[in-house]
């Protein structure tokens, strides 16, 4: 699996390349927008990690050019722009996901795995369906028989992490890192609190959340 990183921060680009290479990915990188666009259009990459604020050609222009060329390339925007309108704009311009800086590497890894599982580009691939539940990755919503559970950002991220790891036990440490980038007693209690409020919201619309606890190990969602 080949990944292209277009990011103007040398230190961040280097750390991402090392981390992803250690996970078995083949990684190319550049800090220049013009060079990055040429690489994205000419290369056989499966995933692109794209910063928005770049020299020579900005990330939005790169994204539009990639989609205009009909490249079957998954794009994750990695940006310090954290306003809702920035995220909406990125997704509407063709990004498959949007992650704001600062971020945890584990969260980035899970999001990339989720993008890899979607196969070829298709609007329906942005959803993970488990029983009566549908997790919309683009809209950041959990639907139960079509009804929005109206989760908070942290409640959604918790569900997203477990749904994308369906059939696997996810430790509290990994969940905490996915949510906040650290793990301690406060973070563990926060997981339980988010799970409790999420379960209540789902029960209020007539369903039971399919997240189970394996005592001493973590949390999991059973495979369909």
Protein backbone atom coordinates (compact mmCIF):
# COMPACT_ATOMS: atom_id res chain seq x y z
CA UNK A 1 0.00 0.00 0.00
CA UNK A 2 1.53 3.31 -1.14
CA UNK A 3 0.88 6.56 0.68
CA UNK A 4 1.79 10.08 -0.44
CA UNK A 5 2.24 12.81 2.18
CA UNK A 6 2.04 16.46 1.08
CA UNK A 7 2.89 18.49 4.17
CA UNK A 8 5.10 21.58 4.46
CA UNK A 9 6.22 20.93 8.04
CA UNK A 10 9.49 19.02 7.71
CA UNK A 11 9.37 17.60 11.24
CA UNK A 12 5.76 16.43 10.96
CA UNK A 13 6.34 15.01 7.50
CA UNK A 14 9.38 13.09 8.74
CA UNK A 15 7.60 11.68 11.80
CA UNK A 16 4.60 10.61 9.71
CA UNK A 17 6.84 8.90 7.18
CA UNK A 18 8.73 7.01 9.89
CA UNK A 19 5.56 5.99 11.73
CA UNK A 20 3.72 4.81 8.63
CA UNK A 21 6.79 3.05 7.23
CA UNK A 22 7.11 1.15 10.52
CA UNK A 23 3.52 -0.03 10.01
CA UNK A 24 4.46 -1.51 6.64
CA UNK A 25 3.33 1.23 4.27
CA UNK A 26 5.42 2.47 1.34
CA UNK A 27 5.60 6.24 1.82
CA UNK A 28 6.64 9.11 -0.46
CA UNK A 29 6.56 12.71 0.72
CA UNK A 30 7.03 16.32 -0.32
CA UNK A 31 6.61 19.74 1.24
CA UNK A 32 5.79 21.53 -2.02
CA UNK A 33 2.26 21.76 -3.40
CA UNK A 34 3.21 21.82 -7.08
CA UNK A 35 5.51 18.83 -6.76
CA UNK A 36 2.92 17.02 -4.66
CA UNK A 37 0.21 17.50 -7.28
CA UNK A 38 2.49 16.10 -10.00
CA UNK A 39 3.33 13.10 -7.81
CA UNK A 40 -0.33 12.47 -6.95
CA UNK A 41 -1.44 12.56 -10.60
CA UNK A 42 1.44 10.47 -11.94
CA UNK A 43 1.88 7.96 -9.11
CA UNK A 44 -0.04 4.81 -8.19
CA UNK A 45 -0.85 5.85 -4.63
CA UNK A 46 -3.78 4.44 -2.68
CA UNK A 47 -3.87 7.13 0.02
CA UNK A 48 -2.95 10.80 0.20
CA UNK A 49 -2.38 12.74 3.43
CA UNK A 50 -2.84 16.36 2.41
CA UNK A 51 -2.14 19.62 4.23
CA UNK A 52 -4.18 22.63 3.09
CA UNK A 53 -1.67 25.44 3.60
CA UNK A 54 1.14 24.67 1.16
CA UNK A 55 3.66 26.67 -0.88
CA UNK A 56 3.14 27.09 -4.66
CA UNK A 57 -0.19 25.22 -4.86
CA UNK A 58 -2.56 24.98 -1.89
CA UNK A 59 -4.23 21.79 -0.73
CA UNK A 60 -7.70 22.72 -1.96
CA UNK A 61 -6.41 23.24 -5.50
CA UNK A 62 -4.59 19.90 -5.33
CA UNK A 63 -7.74 18.15 -4.15
CA UNK A 64 -9.87 19.65 -6.92
CA UNK A 65 -7.29 18.70 -9.57
CA UNK A 66 -7.17 15.11 -8.31
CA UNK A 67 -10.95 14.76 -8.42
CA UNK A 68 -11.16 16.44 -11.85
CA UNK A 69 -8.69 13.84 -13.13
CA UNK A 70 -10.90 11.08 -11.68
CA UNK A 71 -8.00 9.61 -9.73
CA UNK A 72 -9.13 6.69 -7.56
CA UNK A 73 -7.22 8.04 -4.60
CA UNK A 74 -8.34 8.27 -0.99
CA UNK A 75 -7.58 11.71 0.47
CA UNK A 76 -7.30 12.55 4.15
CA UNK A 77 -6.90 16.26 4.86
CA UNK A 78 -4.58 16.94 7.80
CA UNK A 79 -4.92 20.60 8.74
CA UNK A 80 -4.73 23.12 11.58
CA UNK A 81 -7.93 24.68 10.22
CA UNK A 82 -10.48 23.40 12.72
CA UNK A 83 -13.59 25.43 11.91
CA UNK A 84 -16.70 23.52 10.88
CA UNK A 85 -16.89 25.42 7.57
CA UNK A 86 -13.31 24.37 6.75
CA UNK A 87 -14.16 20.71 7.33
CA UNK A 88 -17.36 20.95 5.29
CA UNK A 89 -15.50 22.67 2.46
CA UNK A 90 -12.80 20.00 2.44
CA UNK A 91 -15.32 17.16 2.29
CA UNK A 92 -17.44 18.87 -0.38
CA UNK A 93 -14.33 19.41 -2.49
CA UNK A 94 -13.72 15.67 -2.52
CA UNK A 95 -11.77 14.72 0.62
CA UNK A 96 -12.66 11.35 2.13
CA UNK A 97 -11.81 12.40 5.68
CA UNK A 98 -10.62 15.45 7.62
CA UNK A 99 -8.38 15.34 10.70
CA UNK A 100 -7.35 18.47 12.58
CA UNK A 101 -3.97 19.21 14.14
CA UNK A 102 -2.86 18.44 16.78
CA UNK A 103 -3.81 14.78 16.48
CA UNK A 104 -2.82 11.37 17.83
CA UNK A 105 -0.96 9.02 15.51
CA UNK A 106 -3.23 6.13 16.55
CA UNK A 107 -6.28 8.09 15.43
CA UNK A 108 -4.63 8.84 12.09
CA UNK A 109 -3.79 5.15 11.69
CA UNK A 110 -7.37 4.05 12.38
CA UNK A 111 -8.75 6.62 9.95
CA UNK A 112 -6.37 5.41 7.23
CA UNK A 113 -7.40 1.80 7.88
CA UNK A 114 -11.02 2.85 7.55
CA UNK A 115 -10.30 4.54 4.22
CA UNK A 116 -8.46 1.44 2.99
CA UNK A 117 -11.48 -0.76 3.71
CA UNK A 118 -13.76 1.25 1.48
CA UNK A 119 -12.38 -0.05 -1.81
CA UNK A 120 -13.02 2.00 -4.94
CA UNK A 121 -14.54 5.46 -4.67
CA UNK A 122 -18.26 5.30 -4.00
CA UNK A 123 -20.51 7.55 -1.94
CA UNK A 124 -22.00 4.51 -0.17
CA UNK A 125 -18.54 3.47 1.03
CA UNK A 126 -18.62 6.29 3.57
CA UNK A 127 -20.91 4.20 5.80
CA UNK A 128 -20.28 1.25 8.08
CA UNK A 129 -23.41 -0.85 8.61
CA UNK A 130 -23.81 -3.11 11.64
CA UNK A 131 -27.31 -4.48 12.17
CA UNK A 132 -29.76 -1.57 12.43
CA UNK A 133 -26.85 0.84 12.87
CA UNK A 134 -25.21 2.90 10.14
CA UNK A 135 -22.11 4.98 10.92
CA UNK A 136 -21.72 7.81 8.41
CA UNK A 137 -18.00 8.63 8.28
CA UNK A 138 -18.46 11.79 6.19
CA UNK A 139 -21.31 13.33 8.20
CA UNK A 140 -19.97 12.04 11.54
CA UNK A 141 -23.35 10.57 12.49
CA UNK A 142 -24.64 7.34 14.02
CA UNK A 143 -28.00 6.36 12.58
CA UNK A 144 -30.28 3.76 14.17
CA UNK A 145 -32.85 2.57 11.62
CA UNK A 146 -32.32 5.90 9.90
CA UNK A 147 -32.71 8.00 13.07
CA UNK A 148 -29.78 10.20 14.06
CA UNK A 149 -28.54 9.50 17.61
CA UNK A 150 -27.06 13.04 17.80
CA UNK A 151 -23.75 12.07 19.36
CA UNK A 152 -21.23 14.58 20.67
CA UNK A 153 -17.82 14.65 18.90
CA UNK A 154 -16.20 12.43 21.56
CA UNK A 155 -19.14 10.02 21.64
CA UNK A 156 -18.92 9.73 17.86
CA UNK A 157 -15.14 9.18 17.88
CA UNK A 158 -15.53 6.39 20.45
CA UNK A 159 -18.16 4.63 18.32
CA UNK A 160 -16.11 5.19 15.15
CA UNK A 161 -13.01 3.60 16.68
CA UNK A 162 -14.94 0.52 17.79
CA UNK A 163 -17.01 0.14 14.60
CA UNK A 164 -13.91 0.36 12.38
CA UNK A 165 -12.29 -2.32 14.55
CA UNK A 166 -15.34 -4.59 14.44
CA UNK A 167 -14.58 -8.04 15.85
CA UNK A 168 -11.47 -6.83 17.71
CA UNK A 169 -11.08 -5.92 21.38
CA UNK A 170 -9.90 -2.31 21.70
CA UNK A 171 -8.06 -1.48 24.91
CA UNK A 172 -8.94 1.57 27.07
CA UNK A 173 -5.43 2.87 26.34
CA UNK A 174 -6.02 2.83 22.58
CA UNK A 175 -9.47 4.36 22.93
CA UNK A 176 -8.11 7.14 25.13
CA UNK A 177 -5.33 7.86 22.67
CA UNK A 178 -7.89 7.96 19.86
CA UNK A 179 -10.02 10.41 21.82
CA UNK A 180 -7.45 12.64 23.47
CA UNK A 181 -3.92 11.43 22.79
CA UNK A 182 -3.24 10.25 26.33
CA UNK A 183 -4.29 7.63 28.87
CA UNK A 184 -4.77 7.98 32.63
CA UNK A 185 -7.42 7.36 35.28
CA UNK A 186 -9.35 10.47 34.24
CA UNK A 187 -9.32 9.34 30.60
CA UNK A 188 -10.58 5.87 31.56
CA UNK A 189 -13.47 7.38 33.51
CA UNK A 190 -14.19 9.62 30.52
CA UNK A 191 -14.55 6.56 28.26
CA UNK A 192 -17.10 5.04 30.64
CA UNK A 193 -18.97 8.33 30.81
CA UNK A 194 -19.09 8.70 27.02
CA UNK A 195 -20.21 5.08 26.64
CA UNK A 196 -22.95 5.58 29.22
CA UNK A 197 -24.36 8.70 27.54
CA UNK A 198 -24.11 7.07 24.11
CA UNK A 199 -25.99 3.98 25.31
CA UNK A 200 -28.73 6.20 26.74
CA UNK A 201 -29.12 8.16 23.51
CA UNK A 202 -29.40 4.92 21.53
CA UNK A 203 -31.89 3.41 24.03
CA UNK A 204 -34.00 6.57 23.81
CA UNK A 205 -34.64 5.80 20.13
CA UNK A 206 -35.43 2.16 20.83
CA UNK A 207 -32.17 0.24 20.37
CA UNK A 208 -29.23 -1.19 22.30
CA UNK A 209 -25.70 -0.09 21.41
CA UNK A 210 -23.77 -3.14 20.05
CA UNK A 211 -20.64 -2.29 22.06
CA UNK A 212 -19.67 -4.87 24.66
CA UNK A 213 -17.08 -4.94 27.45
CA UNK A 214 -14.48 -7.68 27.87
CA UNK A 215 -13.53 -7.18 31.48
CA UNK A 216 -9.84 -6.55 31.96
CA UNK A 217 -9.19 -6.18 28.22
CA UNK A 218 -11.37 -3.47 26.69
CA UNK A 219 -14.36 -3.00 24.41
CA UNK A 220 -15.55 -4.58 21.17
CA UNK A 221 -18.31 -4.77 18.59
CA UNK A 222 -19.25 -8.28 17.50
CA UNK A 223 -18.98 -9.08 13.79
CA UNK A 224 -22.27 -9.31 11.87
